[in-house]
Amino acid sequence: MTPRQNAQPAPLAAPTASDSGLFLPLRTAVVLLTALVLGLVIGGLTAFAGAHPDAVAIAGLTAAGASTGALRTLIQ
């Protein structure tokens, strides 16, 4: 048998100037947060209209999902 070498993990690279340590880029966070707010607003308006809670959830999720594509192109 040959002796095994201890596997050493590769050292972590030093952070660069462009790496700010954010979990998400700012643009992505703004798009997702705006889509969330729009989904909540549409869901709330649907609830105030007296719709069934299932319809409220579907309306809010649809509005949030549909707005992400448009917001992605609008927010640059």
Protein backbone atom coordinates (compact mmCIF):
# COMPACT_ATOMS: atom_id res chain seq x y z
CA MET A 1 0.00 0.00 0.00
CA THR A 2 1.12 3.52 -0.69
CA PRO A 3 0.95 6.14 2.02
CA ARG A 4 -1.83 8.64 1.56
CA GLN A 5 -1.22 12.33 1.57
CA ASN A 6 -3.45 14.49 3.69
CA ALA A 7 -5.77 16.33 1.35
CA GLN A 8 -5.50 20.02 2.03
CA PRO A 9 -8.41 22.22 0.95
CA ALA A 10 -7.58 24.92 -1.53
CA PRO A 11 -7.14 28.32 0.11
CA LEU A 12 -10.01 30.73 -0.31
CA ALA A 13 -9.48 33.53 -2.77
CA ALA A 14 -9.22 37.02 -1.34
CA PRO A 15 -12.30 39.14 -1.97
CA THR A 16 -11.97 41.51 -4.88
CA ALA A 17 -13.20 45.07 -5.14
CA SER A 18 -16.24 43.97 -7.15
CA ASP A 19 -17.26 41.40 -4.50
CA SER A 20 -19.31 43.33 -1.97
CA GLY A 21 -20.45 40.27 -0.02
CA LEU A 22 -24.12 40.63 -0.95
CA PHE A 23 -26.24 37.51 -1.12
CA LEU A 24 -28.10 38.83 -4.18
CA PRO A 25 -27.16 41.59 -6.58
CA LEU A 26 -29.00 44.82 -5.86
CA ARG A 27 -30.90 44.74 -9.16
CA THR A 28 -32.22 41.23 -8.43
CA ALA A 29 -33.26 42.20 -4.92
CA VAL A 30 -35.13 45.27 -6.20
CA VAL A 31 -36.91 43.28 -8.90
CA LEU A 32 -37.99 40.53 -6.49
CA LEU A 33 -39.06 42.95 -3.78
CA THR A 34 -41.09 45.03 -6.24
CA ALA A 35 -42.72 41.88 -7.63
CA LEU A 36 -43.58 40.81 -4.08
CA VAL A 37 -45.18 44.17 -3.31
CA LEU A 38 -47.17 44.09 -6.56
CA GLY A 39 -48.36 40.57 -5.80
CA LEU A 40 -49.47 41.61 -2.32
CA VAL A 41 -51.29 44.67 -3.66
CA ILE A 42 -53.14 42.66 -6.33
CA GLY A 43 -53.93 39.93 -3.80
CA GLY A 44 -55.22 42.51 -1.33
CA LEU A 45 -57.40 44.19 -3.94
CA THR A 46 -58.77 40.83 -4.97
CA ALA A 47 -59.54 40.01 -1.33
CA PHE A 48 -61.32 43.34 -0.85
CA ALA A 49 -63.44 42.51 -3.90
CA GLY A 50 -64.78 39.53 -1.97
CA ALA A 51 -63.13 36.74 -3.93
CA HIS A 52 -62.52 33.27 -2.54
CA PRO A 53 -59.13 32.93 -0.73
CA ASP A 54 -57.93 30.49 -3.37
CA ALA A 55 -58.60 33.08 -6.05
CA VAL A 56 -56.81 35.71 -3.97
CA ALA A 57 -53.71 33.53 -3.75
CA ILE A 58 -53.77 32.73 -7.45
CA ALA A 59 -54.20 36.39 -8.39
CA GLY A 60 -51.33 37.51 -6.14
CA LEU A 61 -48.96 34.79 -7.29
CA THR A 62 -49.82 35.38 -10.93
CA ALA A 63 -49.25 39.11 -10.60
CA ALA A 64 -45.91 38.60 -8.85
CA GLY A 65 -44.75 36.02 -11.36
CA ALA A 66 -45.85 37.97 -14.42
CA SER A 67 -44.32 41.22 -13.20
CA THR A 68 -40.81 39.81 -12.69
CA GLY A 69 -40.13 39.58 -16.42
CA ALA A 70 -41.31 43.11 -17.09
CA LEU A 71 -39.49 44.51 -14.06
CA ARG A 72 -36.28 42.76 -15.09
CA THR A 73 -36.28 44.62 -18.39
CA LEU A 74 -37.44 47.94 -16.92
CA ILE A 75 -35.03 48.16 -13.98
CA GLN A 76 -31.47 48.53 -15.19
